[in-house]
């Protein structure tokens, strides 16, 4: 093949990530006021159904990762995409709290969980030394497009109603993604290539403590990864990131209404956040190829703490967009680290299981954020107290703790 097929895979994976939007918190959050009004729910009931559905959705992720390691991402993605379209249809026919819980379970398990996991792991199989740059490029376009998703969802709701809107989204996922699976390849070896398009003549895959992935023979199993300090620090960071970001995103509309803004104002800030996140993801990806990942991770923790405080204090449209920009930067840098660290620290051979276990942690933690914020709002009338706890009790300590997430070392035989 005269060119590296990874550059074909990159836009395919980008589209797959965008297609997870109906199951992502930023895509669901626009529907929340209409769900509350139509189904006669309280904030606590809505966020409680979301919490339980998301929590249960996290459980199969290790199995999804194991299936990817055994059967390859293409076969797994084909099944998941088909089921995800069905999940969107289920969401379109919910009529009460229990059926809403079932819909949340399916959307979170198949979209935010399985599709997201398989997509990002697939990219790590095609790129090694250039993984940060490649993930940054892919995320630049994906994030910019995804930032307009809340506005698209709002348009569909206003013109077709919230139930038909989800049916349209499910059909759209099938129409866009399924044809792309014809060009999807599992890994570079399937087309006679190596990661990054390298030739095979004596080029090592990377040494253990460099910024590149360890050789396949030195890849850690899940059991070995569980014994490393870096795994548990990243597990904690993943849990906090998922809890806080999902909670704030899920409650974005109500947060803005509390500060005197409108639903349209809230949707507009998604665009500001998306542009900032795309730029930060690209810049973070480039930096991830050049500086230590634990340092970059620590920076993202500090910026996130600042963004949460900005959300508490915002009182004007300029400050609201300032919060969105800072939030987007923090998320972009964090996701750049998350996209590169796992394969570089633990290798490719068992990447599905390792990342599947962390996806379980992330999805489970993401279930708690919306409920905590919803309960706090019902009890206190605002989100201020819980947001201060997020910034000072969770993120501030992680600024220092994440510096210790250095690459694991092989024990000598």
Protein backbone atom coordinates (compact mmCIF):
# COMPACT_ATOMS: atom_id res chain seq x y z
CA UNK A 1 0.00 0.00 0.00
CA UNK A 2 1.58 3.31 -1.08
CA UNK A 3 0.31 5.29 1.92
CA UNK A 4 -0.22 4.71 5.64
CA UNK A 5 -3.78 3.48 6.15
CA UNK A 6 -3.89 5.02 9.62
CA UNK A 7 -4.67 8.37 8.00
CA UNK A 8 -7.80 6.77 6.53
CA UNK A 9 -8.73 5.29 9.89
CA UNK A 10 -8.36 8.64 11.67
CA UNK A 11 -11.43 10.35 10.09
CA UNK A 12 -13.45 7.13 10.39
CA UNK A 13 -12.76 6.98 14.12
CA UNK A 14 -13.51 10.70 14.35
CA UNK A 15 -16.99 10.16 12.86
CA UNK A 16 -17.60 7.24 15.24
CA UNK A 17 -16.77 9.48 18.20
CA UNK A 18 -19.17 12.17 16.96
CA UNK A 19 -21.87 9.54 16.47
CA UNK A 20 -21.80 8.73 20.19
CA UNK A 21 -23.38 12.15 20.88
CA UNK A 22 -26.96 10.89 21.49
CA UNK A 23 -25.54 8.85 24.37
CA UNK A 24 -23.19 11.53 25.70
CA UNK A 25 -24.17 13.84 28.53
CA UNK A 26 -23.79 16.99 26.40
CA UNK A 27 -26.24 15.50 23.89
CA UNK A 28 -28.75 14.32 26.48
CA UNK A 29 -28.66 17.47 28.63
CA UNK A 30 -30.61 19.56 26.08
CA UNK A 31 -33.51 17.12 26.43
CA UNK A 32 -33.68 17.42 30.23
CA UNK A 33 -36.22 20.30 30.55
CA UNK A 34 -38.53 18.53 28.07
CA UNK A 35 -38.17 15.18 29.86
CA UNK A 36 -39.03 16.82 33.19
CA UNK A 37 -42.05 18.60 31.73
CA UNK A 38 -43.37 15.70 29.64
CA UNK A 39 -42.85 12.93 32.20
CA UNK A 40 -43.63 15.11 35.25
CA UNK A 41 -40.30 14.46 36.99
CA UNK A 42 -38.27 16.33 39.59
CA UNK A 43 -34.57 17.10 39.17
CA UNK A 44 -33.76 14.32 41.64
CA UNK A 45 -35.91 11.76 39.81
CA UNK A 46 -34.38 12.64 36.44
CA UNK A 47 -30.81 12.59 37.73
CA UNK A 48 -31.53 9.46 39.80
CA UNK A 49 -32.66 7.55 36.70
CA UNK A 50 -29.59 8.82 34.87
CA UNK A 51 -27.34 7.79 37.76
CA UNK A 52 -28.68 4.25 38.03
CA UNK A 53 -28.75 3.73 34.27
CA UNK A 54 -25.19 5.01 33.88
CA UNK A 55 -23.93 2.99 36.85
CA UNK A 56 -25.27 -0.27 35.45
CA UNK A 57 -24.03 0.72 31.98
CA UNK A 58 -20.47 0.77 33.31
CA UNK A 59 -20.42 -2.91 34.30
CA UNK A 60 -19.98 -4.56 30.86
CA UNK A 61 -17.09 -2.34 29.73
CA UNK A 62 -14.35 -4.79 30.76
CA UNK A 63 -16.15 -7.43 28.69
CA UNK A 64 -16.32 -5.04 25.73
CA UNK A 65 -12.56 -4.45 26.04
CA UNK A 66 -11.90 -8.19 26.27
CA UNK A 67 -14.06 -8.79 23.18
CA UNK A 68 -12.05 -6.17 21.31
CA UNK A 69 -8.78 -7.89 22.24
CA UNK A 70 -10.15 -11.23 21.04
CA UNK A 71 -12.28 -10.40 18.00
CA UNK A 72 -10.96 -7.00 16.92
CA UNK A 73 -12.69 -3.61 17.12
CA UNK A 74 -14.44 -3.82 13.73
CA UNK A 75 -16.71 -6.74 14.56
CA UNK A 76 -17.48 -5.30 18.00
CA UNK A 77 -18.23 -1.83 16.61
CA UNK A 78 -20.61 -3.19 14.00
CA UNK A 79 -22.71 -4.89 16.67
CA UNK A 80 -22.59 -1.91 19.03
CA UNK A 81 -23.59 0.62 16.35
CA UNK A 82 -26.60 -1.48 15.35
CA UNK A 83 -27.71 -1.74 18.99
CA UNK A 84 -27.09 1.96 19.61
CA UNK A 85 -29.58 2.88 16.89
CA UNK A 86 -32.12 0.67 18.66
CA UNK A 87 -31.32 2.43 21.95
CA UNK A 88 -32.17 5.80 20.39
CA UNK A 89 -35.53 4.37 19.28
CA UNK A 90 -36.18 3.12 22.82
CA UNK A 91 -35.51 6.66 24.08
CA UNK A 92 -38.07 7.99 21.61
CA UNK A 93 -40.89 5.91 23.11
CA UNK A 94 -40.28 6.35 26.86
CA UNK A 95 -43.43 7.12 28.82
CA UNK A 96 -42.38 7.12 32.47
CA UNK A 97 -39.55 6.98 34.96
CA UNK A 98 -38.81 3.26 34.55
CA UNK A 99 -38.72 3.30 30.76
CA UNK A 100 -36.53 6.41 30.93
CA UNK A 101 -34.11 4.51 33.16
CA UNK A 102 -33.96 1.67 30.59
CA UNK A 103 -33.31 4.18 27.80
CA UNK A 104 -30.55 5.89 29.80
CA UNK A 105 -28.98 2.48 30.52
CA UNK A 106 -28.86 1.55 26.82
CA UNK A 107 -27.72 4.97 25.60
CA UNK A 108 -24.89 5.21 28.14
CA UNK A 109 -23.75 1.59 27.79
CA UNK A 110 -23.68 1.56 24.00
CA UNK A 111 -22.84 5.18 23.12
CA UNK A 112 -20.75 6.85 25.79
CA UNK A 113 -19.37 3.47 26.93
CA UNK A 114 -18.83 0.87 24.23
CA UNK A 115 -18.61 3.03 21.08
CA UNK A 116 -16.35 5.54 22.79
CA UNK A 117 -14.08 2.82 24.17
CA UNK A 118 -13.76 0.94 20.88
CA UNK A 119 -13.14 4.12 18.89
CA UNK A 120 -10.35 5.53 21.03
CA UNK A 121 -8.70 2.12 21.46
CA UNK A 122 -8.73 1.62 17.69
CA UNK A 123 -6.73 4.79 17.18
CA UNK A 124 -4.13 3.62 19.70
CA UNK A 125 -3.60 0.47 17.61
CA UNK A 126 -2.69 2.52 14.52
CA UNK A 127 -0.45 5.19 16.03
CA UNK A 128 2.40 5.08 18.54
CA UNK A 129 5.00 7.83 18.41
CA UNK A 130 2.51 10.11 16.65
CA UNK A 131 -0.49 9.14 18.77
CA UNK A 132 -0.74 12.49 20.54
CA UNK A 133 -0.65 14.41 17.26
CA UNK A 134 -3.08 12.04 15.52
CA UNK A 135 -5.58 12.08 18.37
CA UNK A 136 -5.29 15.87 18.51
CA UNK A 137 -6.00 16.24 14.80
CA UNK A 138 -8.97 13.87 14.99
CA UNK A 139 -10.35 15.53 18.07
CA UNK A 140 -9.99 19.00 16.59
CA UNK A 141 -12.59 18.29 13.94
CA UNK A 142 -14.68 15.98 16.15
CA UNK A 143 -14.90 18.46 19.00
CA UNK A 144 -15.73 21.38 16.73
CA UNK A 145 -18.56 19.41 15.17
CA UNK A 146 -19.72 18.00 18.51
CA UNK A 147 -19.90 21.50 19.98
CA UNK A 148 -22.77 22.17 17.60
CA UNK A 149 -24.59 18.97 18.59
CA UNK A 150 -26.59 20.56 21.47
CA UNK A 151 -27.84 23.23 19.05
CA UNK A 152 -28.77 20.51 16.54
CA UNK A 153 -30.62 18.56 19.22
CA UNK A 154 -32.46 21.71 20.29
CA UNK A 155 -33.42 22.38 16.65
CA UNK A 156 -34.80 18.84 16.27
CA UNK A 157 -36.73 19.14 19.55
CA UNK A 158 -38.30 22.47 18.62
CA UNK A 159 -39.29 21.28 15.14
CA UNK A 160 -40.20 17.61 15.68
CA UNK A 161 -40.67 17.17 19.43
CA UNK A 162 -38.21 15.50 21.77
CA UNK A 163 -39.39 11.93 21.07
CA UNK A 164 -39.20 12.10 17.28
CA UNK A 165 -35.87 13.90 17.65
CA UNK A 166 -34.31 10.80 19.23
CA UNK A 167 -35.73 8.57 16.51
CA UNK A 168 -34.12 10.82 13.90
CA UNK A 169 -30.79 10.70 15.75
CA UNK A 170 -30.83 6.89 15.85
CA UNK A 171 -31.48 6.64 12.12
CA UNK A 172 -28.74 9.20 11.51
CA UNK A 173 -26.20 7.08 13.40
CA UNK A 174 -26.95 4.08 11.18
CA UNK A 175 -26.91 6.08 7.94
CA UNK A 176 -23.58 7.73 8.72
CA UNK A 177 -21.57 5.06 10.53
CA UNK A 178 -22.54 1.71 9.02
CA UNK A 179 -21.19 2.45 5.51
CA UNK A 180 -17.86 3.50 7.05
CA UNK A 181 -17.41 0.05 8.55
CA UNK A 182 -16.67 -1.26 5.04
CA UNK A 183 -13.38 0.69 5.09
CA UNK A 184 -12.60 -0.01 8.76
CA UNK A 185 -9.48 -2.12 9.45
CA UNK A 186 -8.63 -3.57 12.85
CA UNK A 187 -4.90 -2.85 12.99
CA UNK A 188 -1.99 -1.90 10.70
CA UNK A 189 -0.69 -5.47 10.57
CA UNK A 190 -3.88 -6.45 8.72
CA UNK A 191 -2.72 -4.41 5.72
CA UNK A 192 0.97 -5.27 6.03
CA UNK A 193 1.94 -2.12 7.94
CA UNK A 194 3.15 -1.09 11.39
CA UNK A 195 1.96 1.70 13.73
CA UNK A 196 2.80 5.19 12.41
CA UNK A 197 3.53 3.66 8.98
CA UNK A 198 7.02 2.56 10.02
CA UNK A 199 8.89 -0.04 8.02
CA UNK A 200 9.71 -3.28 9.77
CA UNK A 201 13.47 -3.38 9.21
CA UNK A 202 14.95 -3.24 12.67
CA UNK A 203 12.87 -0.34 14.00
CA UNK A 204 12.04 -0.90 17.66
CA UNK A 205 8.55 -0.13 18.83
CA UNK A 206 9.84 1.96 21.70
CA UNK A 207 11.59 1.42 24.97
CA UNK A 208 9.70 0.92 28.22
CA UNK A 209 10.07 4.32 29.84
CA UNK A 210 9.94 6.54 26.77
CA UNK A 211 6.99 8.51 25.41
CA UNK A 212 6.23 5.62 23.04
CA UNK A 213 4.49 2.33 23.76
CA UNK A 214 6.50 -0.61 25.10
CA UNK A 215 7.17 -3.51 22.73
CA UNK A 216 4.30 -5.97 22.36
CA UNK A 217 6.26 -8.58 24.29
CA UNK A 218 6.53 -6.15 27.23
CA UNK A 219 2.87 -5.15 27.27
CA UNK A 220 1.30 -5.45 30.71
CA UNK A 221 -1.76 -7.57 31.40
CA UNK A 222 -4.67 -6.09 33.34
CA UNK A 223 -3.52 -7.94 36.46
CA UNK A 224 -0.02 -6.48 36.13
CA UNK A 225 -1.37 -3.00 35.46
CA UNK A 226 -3.44 -3.19 38.64
CA UNK A 227 -0.19 -3.46 40.61
CA UNK A 228 1.18 -0.15 39.33
CA UNK A 229 0.85 3.25 40.96
CA UNK A 230 0.11 4.96 37.65
CA UNK A 231 -2.99 2.82 37.06
CA UNK A 232 -4.62 3.79 40.35
CA UNK A 233 -3.78 7.46 40.07
CA UNK A 234 -5.28 7.52 36.59
CA UNK A 235 -8.27 5.56 37.87
CA UNK A 236 -8.84 8.24 40.50
CA UNK A 237 -8.39 11.02 37.96
CA UNK A 238 -10.78 9.30 35.58
CA UNK A 239 -13.39 8.93 38.31
CA UNK A 240 -13.18 12.58 39.39
CA UNK A 241 -13.16 13.88 35.80
CA UNK A 242 -16.18 11.75 34.86
CA UNK A 243 -18.12 12.63 38.02
CA UNK A 244 -17.58 16.38 37.84
CA UNK A 245 -17.68 16.99 34.09
CA UNK A 246 -20.71 14.76 33.58
CA UNK A 247 -22.51 16.37 36.52
CA UNK A 248 -21.87 19.89 35.26
CA UNK A 249 -22.69 19.05 31.65
CA UNK A 250 -25.91 17.24 32.56
CA UNK A 251 -27.05 20.24 34.61
CA UNK A 252 -25.77 22.94 32.25
CA UNK A 253 -29.17 24.29 31.28
CA UNK A 254 -30.39 24.58 34.87
CA UNK A 255 -27.04 26.06 35.97
CA UNK A 256 -27.41 28.82 33.40
CA UNK A 257 -31.06 29.40 34.26
CA UNK A 258 -30.04 29.86 37.90
CA UNK A 259 -27.59 32.56 36.84
CA UNK A 260 -30.22 34.45 34.85
CA UNK A 261 -29.41 33.09 31.39
CA UNK A 262 -31.64 31.32 28.85
CA UNK A 263 -31.57 27.85 27.28
CA UNK A 264 -30.22 29.43 24.10
CA UNK A 265 -27.40 31.05 26.08
CA UNK A 266 -26.52 27.64 27.53
CA UNK A 267 -26.48 25.99 24.09
CA UNK A 268 -24.27 28.81 22.74
CA UNK A 269 -21.62 28.19 25.40
CA UNK A 270 -21.27 24.62 24.18
CA UNK A 271 -19.83 26.10 20.98
CA UNK A 272 -17.33 28.26 22.90
CA UNK A 273 -16.33 25.28 25.01
CA UNK A 274 -16.07 23.08 21.93
CA UNK A 275 -13.76 25.45 20.07
CA UNK A 276 -11.54 25.85 23.14
CA UNK A 277 -11.54 22.10 23.76
CA UNK A 278 -10.63 21.34 20.13
CA UNK A 279 -7.70 23.75 20.21
CA UNK A 280 -6.55 22.44 23.59
CA UNK A 281 -6.90 18.84 22.46
CA UNK A 282 -4.71 19.50 19.43
CA UNK A 283 -2.16 21.45 21.46
CA UNK A 284 -2.30 18.90 24.24
CA UNK A 285 -1.82 16.08 21.77
CA UNK A 286 1.31 17.74 20.38
CA UNK A 287 2.59 18.34 23.92
CA UNK A 288 1.83 14.71 24.83
CA UNK A 289 4.42 13.66 22.26
CA UNK A 290 7.01 15.97 23.81
CA UNK A 291 6.62 16.34 27.59
CA UNK A 292 5.92 13.97 30.45
CA UNK A 293 2.30 12.89 30.57
CA UNK A 294 2.06 13.14 34.37
CA UNK A 295 3.01 16.84 34.20
CA UNK A 296 0.41 17.49 31.49
CA UNK A 297 -2.17 15.64 33.56
CA UNK A 298 -1.43 17.80 36.60
CA UNK A 299 -1.87 20.96 34.53
CA UNK A 300 -5.30 19.79 33.38
CA UNK A 301 -6.35 19.19 36.99
CA UNK A 302 -5.44 22.75 37.97
CA UNK A 303 -7.21 24.34 35.01
CA UNK A 304 -10.34 22.29 35.72
CA UNK A 305 -10.46 23.57 39.31
CA UNK A 306 -10.30 27.14 37.98
CA UNK A 307 -13.10 26.44 35.50
CA UNK A 308 -15.42 25.16 38.25
CA UNK A 309 -14.86 28.32 40.30
CA UNK A 310 -15.59 30.37 37.18
CA UNK A 311 -18.95 28.56 36.85
CA UNK A 312 -19.85 29.55 40.41
CA UNK A 313 -18.96 33.21 39.91
CA UNK A 314 -20.27 33.90 36.38
CA UNK A 315 -22.84 36.70 36.19
CA UNK A 316 -22.58 38.15 32.67
CA UNK A 317 -22.55 36.69 29.14
CA UNK A 318 -18.82 37.44 28.85
CA UNK A 319 -18.08 35.60 32.09
CA UNK A 320 -20.30 32.71 30.98
CA UNK A 321 -18.30 32.29 27.79
CA UNK A 322 -15.11 32.70 29.81
CA UNK A 323 -16.18 29.77 31.98
CA UNK A 324 -16.95 27.75 28.85
CA UNK A 325 -13.53 28.48 27.33
CA UNK A 326 -11.60 27.57 30.49
CA UNK A 327 -13.69 24.43 30.87
CA UNK A 328 -13.04 23.49 27.25
CA UNK A 329 -9.29 23.95 27.66
CA UNK A 330 -9.18 21.78 30.77
CA UNK A 331 -11.14 18.99 29.11
CA UNK A 332 -9.09 19.13 25.93
CA UNK A 333 -5.78 18.78 27.76
CA UNK A 334 -7.09 15.97 29.95
CA UNK A 335 -8.45 14.02 26.97
CA UNK A 336 -5.13 14.43 25.14
CA UNK A 337 -3.39 12.71 28.06
CA UNK A 338 -6.09 10.05 28.34
CA UNK A 339 -5.80 9.22 24.63
CA UNK A 340 -2.06 8.57 24.83
CA UNK A 341 -1.13 7.45 28.33
CA UNK A 342 -2.61 3.97 28.39
CA UNK A 343 -0.92 2.53 25.33
CA UNK A 344 2.39 4.21 26.22
CA UNK A 345 2.42 3.02 29.81
CA UNK A 346 0.92 -0.45 29.36
CA UNK A 347 1.31 -1.46 25.68
CA UNK A 348 -1.07 -2.68 22.98
CA UNK A 349 -1.58 -6.40 23.65
CA UNK A 350 -4.12 -6.04 26.48
CA UNK A 351 -5.23 -2.48 25.81
CA UNK A 352 -8.90 -3.43 25.47
CA UNK A 353 -9.14 -5.01 28.91
CA UNK A 354 -7.09 -2.29 30.62
CA UNK A 355 -9.02 0.58 29.10
CA UNK A 356 -12.26 -1.34 29.53
CA UNK A 357 -11.64 -1.49 33.27
CA UNK A 358 -11.04 2.26 33.35
CA UNK A 359 -14.11 2.89 31.23
CA UNK A 360 -16.08 1.00 33.88
CA UNK A 361 -14.63 3.34 36.51
CA UNK A 362 -15.33 6.43 34.41
CA UNK A 363 -18.87 5.52 33.42
CA UNK A 364 -19.73 4.46 36.98
CA UNK A 365 -18.37 7.72 38.41
CA UNK A 366 -20.20 9.73 35.76
CA UNK A 367 -23.45 8.33 37.14
CA UNK A 368 -22.92 10.09 40.47
CA UNK A 369 -22.26 13.65 39.29
CA UNK A 370 -25.71 14.44 37.85
CA UNK A 371 -27.44 12.94 40.90
CA UNK A 372 -25.29 14.83 43.43
CA UNK A 373 -25.90 18.11 41.64
CA UNK A 374 -29.61 17.41 41.13
CA UNK A 375 -30.08 16.52 44.79
CA UNK A 376 -28.11 19.59 45.91
CA UNK A 377 -30.28 21.81 43.71
CA UNK A 378 -33.50 20.36 45.09
CA UNK A 379 -32.24 20.72 48.67
CA UNK A 380 -30.41 24.07 48.51
CA UNK A 381 -31.84 25.81 45.47
CA UNK A 382 -28.49 26.09 43.66
CA UNK A 383 -25.29 24.21 42.84
CA UNK A 384 -22.76 26.45 44.62
CA UNK A 385 -21.88 24.23 47.58
CA UNK A 386 -21.39 21.06 45.56
CA UNK A 387 -19.28 22.95 42.99
CA UNK A 388 -16.98 24.32 45.71
CA UNK A 389 -16.53 20.75 46.97
CA UNK A 390 -15.67 19.62 43.42
CA UNK A 391 -13.05 22.35 42.99
CA UNK A 392 -11.35 22.36 46.41
CA UNK A 393 -11.84 18.85 47.80
CA UNK A 394 -11.48 16.81 44.60
CA UNK A 395 -9.47 18.66 41.99
CA UNK A 396 -7.05 20.70 44.10
CA UNK A 397 -5.40 17.60 45.69
CA UNK A 398 -5.15 15.91 42.28
CA UNK A 399 -2.87 18.69 41.03
CA UNK A 400 -0.13 17.20 43.23
CA UNK A 401 -1.18 13.55 43.22
CA UNK A 402 -1.13 13.23 39.43
CA UNK A 403 2.53 14.26 39.33
CA UNK A 404 3.28 10.82 40.76
CA UNK A 405 1.64 9.05 37.78
CA UNK A 406 5.01 8.21 36.21
CA UNK A 407 5.51 5.33 33.73
CA UNK A 408 5.59 1.89 35.41
CA UNK A 409 8.80 -0.10 35.32
CA UNK A 410 9.17 -3.78 34.61
CA UNK A 411 10.43 -5.77 37.58
CA UNK A 412 13.72 -7.50 36.89
CA UNK A 413 13.40 -11.28 36.37
